């Protein structure tokens, strides 16, 4: 009987460790998911700040932002040119 009790105790102890580890992994996964959500909110708001800055000050940006504002303007011009070429190809 003592042997059976020790086996049961060992199984119970190891089983509890597995359960505890599974709970820990689930909690960590949940927290990482929450971190991802927070990072996505940060990313979206950074983009929105940049868009608002460009819309309001892109024509006369502070020196710190001049390079990025020129890059946005150049990209917008590129999009317009490419769209024009598509219209020409389609005969529109």
PDB file of N, CA and C in Angstrom:
ATOM      1  N   UNK A   1       0.816  -1.191   0.000  1.00  0.00           N
ATOM      2  CA  UNK A   1       0.000   0.000   0.000  1.00  0.00           C
ATOM      3  C   UNK A   1       0.864   1.261   0.000  1.00  0.00           C
ATOM      4  N   UNK A   2       1.950   1.220   0.713  1.00  0.00           N
ATOM      5  CA  UNK A   2       2.826   2.389   0.777  1.00  0.00           C
ATOM      6  C   UNK A   2       3.343   2.733  -0.616  1.00  0.00           C
ATOM      7  N   UNK A   3       3.661   1.706  -1.405  1.00  0.00           N
ATOM      8  CA  UNK A   3       4.146   1.914  -2.767  1.00  0.00           C
ATOM      9  C   UNK A   3       3.066   2.577  -3.629  1.00  0.00           C
ATOM     10  N   UNK A   4       1.851   2.104  -3.536  1.00  0.00           N
ATOM     11  CA  UNK A   4       0.737   2.653  -4.298  1.00  0.00           C
ATOM     12  C   UNK A   4       0.483   4.097  -3.898  1.00  0.00           C
ATOM     13  N   UNK A   5       0.566   4.387  -2.613  1.00  0.00           N
ATOM     14  CA  UNK A   5       0.377   5.763  -2.135  1.00  0.00           C
ATOM     15  C   UNK A   5       1.454   6.691  -2.707  1.00  0.00           C
ATOM     16  N   UNK A   6       2.695   6.209  -2.752  1.00  0.00           N
ATOM     17  CA  UNK A   6       3.781   7.025  -3.291  1.00  0.00           C
ATOM     18  C   UNK A   6       3.590   7.262  -4.800  1.00  0.00           C
ATOM     19  N   UNK A   7       3.149   6.230  -5.511  1.00  0.00           N
ATOM     20  CA  UNK A   7       2.895   6.377  -6.937  1.00  0.00           C
ATOM     21  C   UNK A   7       1.774   7.390  -7.166  1.00  0.00           C
ATOM     22  N   UNK A   8       0.695   7.278  -6.404  1.00  0.00           N
ATOM     23  CA  UNK A   8      -0.411   8.226  -6.522  1.00  0.00           C
ATOM     24  C   UNK A   8       0.053   9.645  -6.223  1.00  0.00           C
ATOM     25  N   UNK A   9       0.866   9.781  -5.176  1.00  0.00           N
ATOM     26  CA  UNK A   9       1.373  11.098  -4.791  1.00  0.00           C
ATOM     27  C   UNK A   9       2.263  11.672  -5.897  1.00  0.00           C
ATOM     28  N   UNK A  10       3.106  10.844  -6.483  1.00  0.00           N
ATOM     29  CA  UNK A  10       3.986  11.289  -7.561  1.00  0.00           C
ATOM     30  C   UNK A  10       3.174  11.722  -8.777  1.00  0.00           C
ATOM     31  N   UNK A  11       2.188  10.918  -9.132  1.00  0.00           N
ATOM     32  CA  UNK A  11       1.330  11.254 -10.278  1.00  0.00           C
ATOM     33  C   UNK A  11       0.575  12.541 -10.011  1.00  0.00           C
ATOM     34  N   UNK A  12       0.049  12.689  -8.825  1.00  0.00           N
ATOM     35  CA  UNK A  12      -0.695  13.893  -8.458  1.00  0.00           C
ATOM     36  C   UNK A  12       0.210  15.126  -8.496  1.00  0.00           C
ATOM     37  N   UNK A  13       1.406  15.000  -7.953  1.00  0.00           N
ATOM     38  CA  UNK A  13       2.350  16.119  -7.928  1.00  0.00           C
ATOM     39  C   UNK A  13       2.751  16.518  -9.341  1.00  0.00           C
ATOM     40  N   UNK A  14       3.102  15.531 -10.166  1.00  0.00           N
ATOM     41  CA  UNK A  14       3.509  15.833 -11.542  1.00  0.00           C
ATOM     42  C   UNK A  14       2.335  16.366 -12.349  1.00  0.00           C
ATOM     43  N   UNK A  15       1.161  15.839 -12.123  1.00  0.00           N
ATOM     44  CA  UNK A  15      -0.030  16.327 -12.807  1.00  0.00           C
ATOM     45  C   UNK A  15      -0.307  17.778 -12.461  1.00  0.00           C
ATOM     46  N   UNK A  16      -0.138  18.118 -11.195  1.00  0.00           N
ATOM     47  CA  UNK A  16      -0.355  19.499 -10.753  1.00  0.00           C
ATOM     48  C   UNK A  16       0.675  20.427 -11.390  1.00  0.00           C
ATOM     49  N   UNK A  17       1.915  19.948 -11.531  1.00  0.00           N
ATOM     50  CA  UNK A  17       2.953  20.759 -12.183  1.00  0.00           C
ATOM     51  C   UNK A  17       2.576  21.041 -13.639  1.00  0.00           C
ATOM     52  N   UNK A  18       2.049  20.019 -14.306  1.00  0.00           N
ATOM     53  CA  UNK A  18       1.628  20.191 -15.697  1.00  0.00           C
ATOM     54  C   UNK A  18       0.492  21.212 -15.777  1.00  0.00           C
ATOM     55  N   UNK A  19      -0.466  21.104 -14.876  1.00  0.00           N
ATOM     56  CA  UNK A  19      -1.589  22.041 -14.850  1.00  0.00           C
ATOM     57  C   UNK A  19      -1.084  23.451 -14.582  1.00  0.00           C
ATOM     58  N   UNK A  20      -0.189  23.593 -13.614  1.00  0.00           N
ATOM     59  CA  UNK A  20       0.368  24.910 -13.283  1.00  0.00           C
ATOM     60  C   UNK A  20       1.131  25.498 -14.473  1.00  0.00           C
ATOM     61  N   UNK A  21       1.902  24.656 -15.151  1.00  0.00           N
ATOM     62  CA  UNK A  21       2.669  25.127 -16.307  1.00  0.00           C
ATOM     63  C   UNK A  21       1.722  25.546 -17.434  1.00  0.00           C
ATOM     64  N   UNK A  22       0.658  24.788 -17.647  1.00  0.00           N
ATOM     65  CA  UNK A  22      -0.320  25.133 -18.682  1.00  0.00           C
ATOM     66  C   UNK A  22      -0.996  26.459 -18.354  1.00  0.00           C
ATOM     67  N   UNK A  23      -1.354  26.669 -17.091  1.00  0.00           N
ATOM     68  CA  UNK A  23      -1.956  27.936 -16.682  1.00  0.00           C
ATOM     69  C   UNK A  23      -0.987  29.094 -16.911  1.00  0.00           C
ATOM     70  N   UNK A  24       0.276  28.871 -16.559  1.00  0.00           N
ATOM     71  CA  UNK A  24       1.304  29.901 -16.738  1.00  0.00           C
ATOM     72  C   UNK A  24       1.450  30.253 -18.218  1.00  0.00           C
ATOM     73  N   UNK A  25       1.501  29.242 -19.058  1.00  0.00           N
ATOM     74  CA  UNK A  25       1.648  29.481 -20.496  1.00  0.00           C
ATOM     75  C   UNK A  25       0.436  30.218 -21.052  1.00  0.00           C
ATOM     76  N   UNK A  26      -0.752  29.874 -20.584  1.00  0.00           N
ATOM     77  CA  UNK A  26      -1.964  30.550 -21.046  1.00  0.00           C
ATOM     78  C   UNK A  26      -1.966  32.010 -20.604  1.00  0.00           C
ATOM     79  N   UNK A  27      -1.536  32.254 -19.386  1.00  0.00           N
ATOM     80  CA  UNK A  27      -1.492  33.628 -18.875  1.00  0.00           C
ATOM     81  C   UNK A  27      -0.472  34.459 -19.652  1.00  0.00           C
ATOM     82  N   UNK A  28       0.697  33.873 -19.919  1.00  0.00           N
ATOM     83  CA  UNK A  28       1.728  34.577 -20.685  1.00  0.00           C
ATOM     84  C   UNK A  28       1.217  34.880 -22.098  1.00  0.00           C
ATOM     85  N   UNK A  29       0.556  33.910 -22.717  1.00  0.00           N
ATOM     86  CA  UNK A  29       0.007  34.121 -24.060  1.00  0.00           C
ATOM     87  C   UNK A  29      -1.025  35.245 -24.047  1.00  0.00           C
ATOM     88  N   UNK A  30      -1.866  35.285 -23.032  1.00  0.00           N
ATOM     89  CA  UNK A  30      -2.862  36.347 -22.916  1.00  0.00           C
ATOM     90  C   UNK A  30      -2.195  37.708 -22.752  1.00  0.00           C
ATOM     91  N   UNK A  31      -1.177  37.767 -21.920  1.00  0.00           N
ATOM     92  CA  UNK A  31      -0.472  39.035 -21.699  1.00  0.00           C
ATOM     93  C   UNK A  31       0.242  39.487 -22.972  1.00  0.00           C
ATOM     94  N   UNK A  32       0.848  38.547 -23.697  1.00  0.00           N
ATOM     95  CA  UNK A  32       1.506  38.901 -24.954  1.00  0.00           C
ATOM     96  C   UNK A  32       0.492  39.413 -25.964  1.00  0.00           C
ATOM     97  N   UNK A  33      -0.685  38.837 -25.977  1.00  0.00           N
ATOM     98  CA  UNK A  33      -1.745  39.311 -26.865  1.00  0.00           C
ATOM     99  C   UNK A  33      -2.146  40.736 -26.499  1.00  0.00           C
ATOM    100  N   UNK A  34      -2.247  41.006 -25.218  1.00  0.00           N
ATOM    101  CA  UNK A  34      -2.585  42.358 -24.765  1.00  0.00           C
ATOM    102  C   UNK A  34      -1.487  43.349 -25.139  1.00  0.00           C
ATOM    103  N   UNK A  35      -0.227  42.914 -25.043  1.00  0.00           N
ATOM    104  CA  UNK A  35       0.893  43.762 -25.450  1.00  0.00           C
ATOM    105  C   UNK A  35       0.776  44.077 -26.940  1.00  0.00           C
ATOM    106  N   UNK A  36       0.466  43.063 -27.738  1.00  0.00           N
ATOM    107  CA  UNK A  36       0.293  43.267 -29.178  1.00  0.00           C
ATOM    108  C   UNK A  36      -0.804  44.271 -29.477  1.00  0.00           C
ATOM    109  N   UNK A  37      -1.906  44.195 -28.736  1.00  0.00           N
ATOM    110  CA  UNK A  37      -3.002  45.139 -28.913  1.00  0.00           C
ATOM    111  C   UNK A  37      -2.548  46.558 -28.574  1.00  0.00           C
ATOM    112  N   UNK A  38      -1.834  46.702 -27.472  1.00  0.00           N
ATOM    113  CA  UNK A  38      -1.317  48.028 -27.080  1.00  0.00           C
ATOM    114  C   UNK A  38      -0.356  48.570 -28.133  1.00  0.00           C
ATOM    115  N   UNK A  39       0.528  47.718 -28.644  1.00  0.00           N
ATOM    116  CA  UNK A  39       1.477  48.158 -29.659  1.00  0.00           C
ATOM    117  C   UNK A  39       0.762  48.577 -30.942  1.00  0.00           C
ATOM    118  N   UNK A  40      -0.319  47.890 -31.284  1.00  0.00           N
ATOM    119  CA  UNK A  40      -1.097  48.251 -32.469  1.00  0.00           C
ATOM    120  C   UNK A  40      -1.760  49.616 -32.271  1.00  0.00           C
ATOM    121  N   UNK A  41      -2.268  49.884 -31.077  1.00  0.00           N
ATOM    122  CA  UNK A  41      -2.865  51.195 -30.773  1.00  0.00           C
ATOM    123  C   UNK A  41      -1.800  52.284 -30.895  1.00  0.00           C
ATOM    124  N   UNK A  42      -0.622  52.009 -30.372  1.00  0.00           N
ATOM    125  CA  UNK A  42       0.481  52.983 -30.464  1.00  0.00           C
ATOM    126  C   UNK A  42       0.818  53.250 -31.924  1.00  0.00           C
ATOM    127  N   UNK A  43       0.958  52.185 -32.707  1.00  0.00           N
ATOM    128  CA  UNK A  43       1.316  52.322 -34.121  1.00  0.00           C
ATOM    129  C   UNK A  43       0.271  53.130 -34.880  1.00  0.00           C
ATOM    130  N   UNK A  44      -1.000  52.833 -34.661  1.00  0.00           N
ATOM    131  CA  UNK A  44      -2.072  53.561 -35.351  1.00  0.00           C
ATOM    132  C   UNK A  44      -2.063  55.029 -34.972  1.00  0.00           C
ATOM    133  N   UNK A  45      -1.838  55.320 -33.701  1.00  0.00           N
ATOM    134  CA  UNK A  45      -1.848  56.713 -33.258  1.00  0.00           C
ATOM    135  C   UNK A  45      -0.622  57.470 -33.733  1.00  0.00           C
ATOM    136  N   UNK A  46       0.540  56.813 -33.786  1.00  0.00           N
ATOM    137  CA  UNK A  46       1.716  57.453 -34.377  1.00  0.00           C
ATOM    138  C   UNK A  46       1.420  57.831 -35.827  1.00  0.00           C
ATOM    139  N   UNK A  47       0.815  56.921 -36.559  1.00  0.00           N
ATOM    140  CA  UNK A  47       0.491  57.195 -37.963  1.00  0.00           C
ATOM    141  C   UNK A  47      -0.492  58.354 -38.062  1.00  0.00           C
ATOM    142  N   UNK A  48      -1.468  58.371 -37.190  1.00  0.00           N
ATOM    143  CA  UNK A  48      -2.462  59.454 -37.204  1.00  0.00           C
ATOM    144  C   UNK A  48      -1.810  60.793 -36.871  1.00  0.00           C
ATOM    145  N   UNK A  49      -0.901  60.802 -35.913  1.00  0.00           N
ATOM    146  CA  UNK A  49      -0.177  62.035 -35.574  1.00  0.00           C
ATOM    147  C   UNK A  49       0.596  62.523 -36.800  1.00  0.00           C
ATOM    148  N   UNK A  50       1.271  61.604 -37.463  1.00  0.00           N
ATOM    149  CA  UNK A  50       2.030  61.966 -38.659  1.00  0.00           C
ATOM    150  C   UNK A  50       1.136  62.504 -39.762  1.00  0.00           C
ATOM    151  N   UNK A  51      -0.003  61.849 -39.983  1.00  0.00           N
ATOM    152  CA  UNK A  51      -0.935  62.301 -41.016  1.00  0.00           C
ATOM    153  C   UNK A  51      -1.445  63.703 -40.704  1.00  0.00           C
ATOM    154  N   UNK A  52      -1.836  63.903 -39.443  1.00  0.00           N
ATOM    155  CA  UNK A  52      -2.341  65.224 -39.045  1.00  0.00           C
ATOM    156  C   UNK A  52      -1.263  66.295 -39.182  1.00  0.00           C
ATOM    157  N   UNK A  53      -0.040  65.942 -38.790  1.00  0.00           N
ATOM    158  CA  UNK A  53       1.054  66.910 -38.928  1.00  0.00           C
ATOM    159  C   UNK A  53       1.244  67.257 -40.399  1.00  0.00           C
ATOM    160  N   UNK A  54       1.289  66.248 -41.241  1.00  0.00           N
ATOM    161  CA  UNK A  54       1.510  66.483 -42.671  1.00  0.00           C
ATOM    162  C   UNK A  54       0.396  67.330 -43.273  1.00  0.00           C
ATOM    163  N   UNK A  55      -0.838  67.004 -42.925  1.00  0.00           N
ATOM    164  CA  UNK A  55      -1.968  67.767 -43.463  1.00  0.00           C
ATOM    165  C   UNK A  55      -1.920  69.228 -43.029  1.00  0.00           C
ATOM    166  N   UNK A  56      -1.460  69.478 -41.824  1.00  0.00           N
ATOM    167  CA  UNK A  56      -1.479  70.841 -41.301  1.00  0.00           C
ATOM    168  C   UNK A  56      -0.194  71.623 -41.558  1.00  0.00           C
ATOM    169  N   UNK A  57       0.943  70.923 -41.628  1.00  0.00           N
ATOM    170  CA  UNK A  57       2.219  71.624 -41.725  1.00  0.00           C
ATOM    171  C   UNK A  57       3.108  71.103 -42.855  1.00  0.00           C
ATOM    172  N   UNK A  58       2.607  70.199 -43.671  1.00  0.00           N
ATOM    173  CA  UNK A  58       3.424  69.581 -44.716  1.00  0.00           C
ATOM    174  C   UNK A  58       3.956  70.553 -45.748  1.00  0.00           C
ATOM    175  N   UNK A  59       3.234  71.642 -45.980  1.00  0.00           N
ATOM    176  CA  UNK A  59       3.707  72.641 -46.950  1.00  0.00           C
ATOM    177  C   UNK A  59       4.858  73.478 -46.404  1.00  0.00           C
ATOM    178  N   UNK A  60       4.945  73.583 -45.099  1.00  0.00           N
ATOM    179  CA  UNK A  60       6.000  74.365 -44.459  1.00  0.00           C
ATOM    180  C   UNK A  60       6.431  73.655 -43.168  1.00  0.00           C
ATOM    181  N   UNK A  61       7.023  72.458 -43.287  1.00  0.00           N
ATOM    182  CA  UNK A  61       7.348  71.688 -42.094  1.00  0.00           C
ATOM    183  C   UNK A  61       8.562  72.235 -41.357  1.00  0.00           C
ATOM    184  N   UNK A  62       8.611  71.906 -40.092  1.00  0.00           N
ATOM    185  CA  UNK A  62       9.821  72.204 -39.327  1.00  0.00           C
ATOM    186  C   UNK A  62      10.964  71.406 -39.939  1.00  0.00           C
ATOM    187  N   UNK A  63      12.171  71.893 -39.779  1.00  0.00           N
ATOM    188  CA  UNK A  63      13.338  71.243 -40.383  1.00  0.00           C
ATOM    189  C   UNK A  63      13.423  69.763 -40.007  1.00  0.00           C
ATOM    190  N   UNK A  64      13.057  69.445 -38.806  1.00  0.00           N
ATOM    191  CA  UNK A  64      13.124  68.071 -38.315  1.00  0.00           C
ATOM    192  C   UNK A  64      12.264  67.122 -39.156  1.00  0.00           C
ATOM    193  N   UNK A  65      11.179  67.630 -39.737  1.00  0.00           N
ATOM    194  CA  UNK A  65      10.240  66.798 -40.485  1.00  0.00           C
ATOM    195  C   UNK A  65      10.286  67.032 -41.997  1.00  0.00           C
ATOM    196  N   UNK A  66      11.152  67.919 -42.451  1.00  0.00           N
ATOM    197  CA  UNK A  66      11.177  68.304 -43.858  1.00  0.00           C
ATOM    198  C   UNK A  66      11.449  67.106 -44.775  1.00  0.00           C
ATOM    199  N   UNK A  67      12.388  66.268 -44.424  1.00  0.00           N
ATOM    200  CA  UNK A  67      12.745  65.122 -45.261  1.00  0.00           C
ATOM    201  C   UNK A  67      11.552  64.178 -45.434  1.00  0.00           C
ATOM    202  N   UNK A  68      10.880  63.882 -44.348  1.00  0.00           N
ATOM    203  CA  UNK A  68       9.736  62.971 -44.408  1.00  0.00           C
ATOM    204  C   UNK A  68       8.580  63.595 -45.184  1.00  0.00           C
ATOM    205  N   UNK A  69       8.359  64.886 -45.011  1.00  0.00           N
ATOM    206  CA  UNK A  69       7.277  65.556 -45.738  1.00  0.00           C
ATOM    207  C   UNK A  69       7.566  65.557 -47.236  1.00  0.00           C
ATOM    208  N   UNK A  70       8.827  65.780 -47.619  1.00  0.00           N
ATOM    209  CA  UNK A  70       9.190  65.711 -49.040  1.00  0.00           C
ATOM    210  C   UNK A  70       8.981  64.293 -49.573  1.00  0.00           C
ATOM    211  N   UNK A  71       9.329  63.298 -48.779  1.00  0.00           N
ATOM    212  CA  UNK A  71       9.155  61.903 -49.203  1.00  0.00           C
ATOM    213  C   UNK A  71       7.681  61.582 -49.419  1.00  0.00           C
ATOM    214  N   UNK A  72       6.822  62.063 -48.534  1.00  0.00           N
ATOM    215  CA  UNK A  72       5.376  61.853 -48.698  1.00  0.00           C
ATOM    216  C   UNK A  72       4.902  62.538 -49.967  1.00  0.00           C
ATOM    217  N   UNK A  73       5.307  63.774 -50.177  1.00  0.00           N
ATOM    218  CA  UNK A  73       4.893  64.514 -51.366  1.00  0.00           C
ATOM    219  C   UNK A  73       5.376  63.820 -52.638  1.00  0.00           C
ATOM    220  N   UNK A  74       6.615  63.365 -52.634  1.00  0.00           N
ATOM    221  CA  UNK A  74       7.152  62.654 -53.798  1.00  0.00           C
ATOM    222  C   UNK A  74       6.368  61.368 -54.064  1.00  0.00           C
ATOM    223  N   UNK A  75       6.032  60.647 -53.018  1.00  0.00           N
ATOM    224  CA  UNK A  75       5.262  59.413 -53.172  1.00  0.00           C
ATOM    225  C   UNK A  75       3.860  59.714 -53.692  1.00  0.00           C
ATOM    226  N   UNK A  76       3.244  60.771 -53.186  1.00  0.00           N
ATOM    227  CA  UNK A  76       1.918  61.155 -53.680  1.00  0.00           C
ATOM    228  C   UNK A  76       1.975  61.531 -55.158  1.00  0.00           C
ATOM    229  N   UNK A  77       3.006  62.259 -55.540  1.00  0.00           N
ATOM    230  CA  UNK A  77       3.186  62.609 -56.955  1.00  0.00           C
ATOM    231  C   UNK A  77       3.386  61.350 -57.795  1.00  0.00           C
ATOM    232  N   UNK A  78       4.148  60.409 -57.269  1.00  0.00           N
ATOM    233  CA  UNK A  78       4.365  59.154 -57.966  1.00  0.00           C
ATOM    234  C   UNK A  78       3.067  58.388 -58.171  1.00  0.00           C
ATOM    235  N   UNK A  79       2.217  58.354 -57.156  1.00  0.00           N
ATOM    236  CA  UNK A  79       0.916  57.685 -57.260  1.00  0.00           C
ATOM    237  C   UNK A  79       0.084  58.358 -58.348  1.00  0.00           C
ATOM    238  N   UNK A  80       0.058  59.680 -58.349  1.00  0.00           N
ATOM    239  CA  UNK A  80      -0.714  60.414 -59.370  1.00  0.00           C
ATOM    240  C   UNK A  80      -0.207  60.102 -60.771  1.00  0.00           C
ATOM    241  N   UNK A  81       1.107  60.082 -60.940  1.00  0.00           N
ATOM    242  CA  UNK A  81       1.688  59.781 -62.249  1.00  0.00           C
ATOM    243  C   UNK A  81       1.319  58.367 -62.696  1.00  0.00           C
ATOM    244  N   UNK A  82       1.422  57.418 -61.800  1.00  0.00           N
ATOM    245  CA  UNK A  82       1.108  56.030 -62.133  1.00  0.00           C
ATOM    246  C   UNK A  82      -0.374  55.849 -62.437  1.00  0.00           C
ATOM    247  N   UNK A  83      -1.225  56.529 -61.686  1.00  0.00           N
ATOM    248  CA  UNK A  83      -2.664  56.463 -61.968  1.00  0.00           C
ATOM    249  C   UNK A  83      -2.975  57.059 -63.335  1.00  0.00           C
ATOM    250  N   UNK A  84      -2.280  58.130 -63.688  1.00  0.00           N
ATOM    251  CA  UNK A  84      -2.456  58.747 -65.006  1.00  0.00           C
ATOM    252  C   UNK A  84      -2.049  57.772 -66.107  1.00  0.00           C
ATOM    253  N   UNK A  85      -0.957  57.068 -65.909  1.00  0.00           N
ATOM    254  CA  UNK A  85      -0.514  56.081 -66.892  1.00  0.00           C
ATOM    255  C   UNK A  85      -1.539  54.958 -67.035  1.00  0.00           C
ATOM    256  N   UNK A  86      -2.134  54.539 -65.943  1.00  0.00           N
ATOM    257  CA  UNK A  86      -3.176  53.499 -65.998  1.00  0.00           C
ATOM    258  C   UNK A  86      -4.353  54.012 -66.807  1.00  0.00           C
ATOM    259  N   UNK A  87      -4.767  55.259 -66.569  1.00  0.00           N
ATOM    260  CA  UNK A  87      -5.878  55.830 -67.321  1.00  0.00           C
ATOM    261  C   UNK A  87      -5.554  55.898 -68.812  1.00  0.00           C
ATOM    262  N   UNK A  88      -4.308  56.257 -69.131  1.00  0.00           N
ATOM    263  CA  UNK A  88      -3.904  56.320 -70.536  1.00  0.00           C
ATOM    264  C   UNK A  88      -3.960  54.933 -71.181  1.00  0.00           C
ATOM    265  N   UNK A  89      -3.480  53.934 -70.487  1.00  0.00           N
ATOM    266  CA  UNK A  89      -3.503  52.566 -71.008  1.00  0.00           C
ATOM    267  C   UNK A  89      -4.921  52.101 -71.239  1.00  0.00           C
ATOM    268  N   UNK A  90      -5.816  52.429 -70.318  1.00  0.00           N
ATOM    269  CA  UNK A  90      -7.209  52.031 -70.439  1.00  0.00           C
ATOM    270  C   UNK A  90      -7.990  52.915 -71.408  1.00  0.00           C
ATOM    271  N   UNK A  91      -7.378  54.023 -71.826  1.00  0.00           N
ATOM    272  CA  UNK A  91      -8.052  54.945 -72.734  1.00  0.00           C
ATOM    273  C   UNK A  91      -9.125  55.764 -72.058  1.00  0.00           C
ATOM    274  N   UNK A  92      -8.951  56.027 -70.811  1.00  0.00           N
ATOM    275  CA  UNK A  92      -9.934  56.790 -70.041  1.00  0.00           C
ATOM    276  C   UNK A  92      -9.593  58.268 -70.108  1.00  0.00           C
TER     277      UNK A  92
END
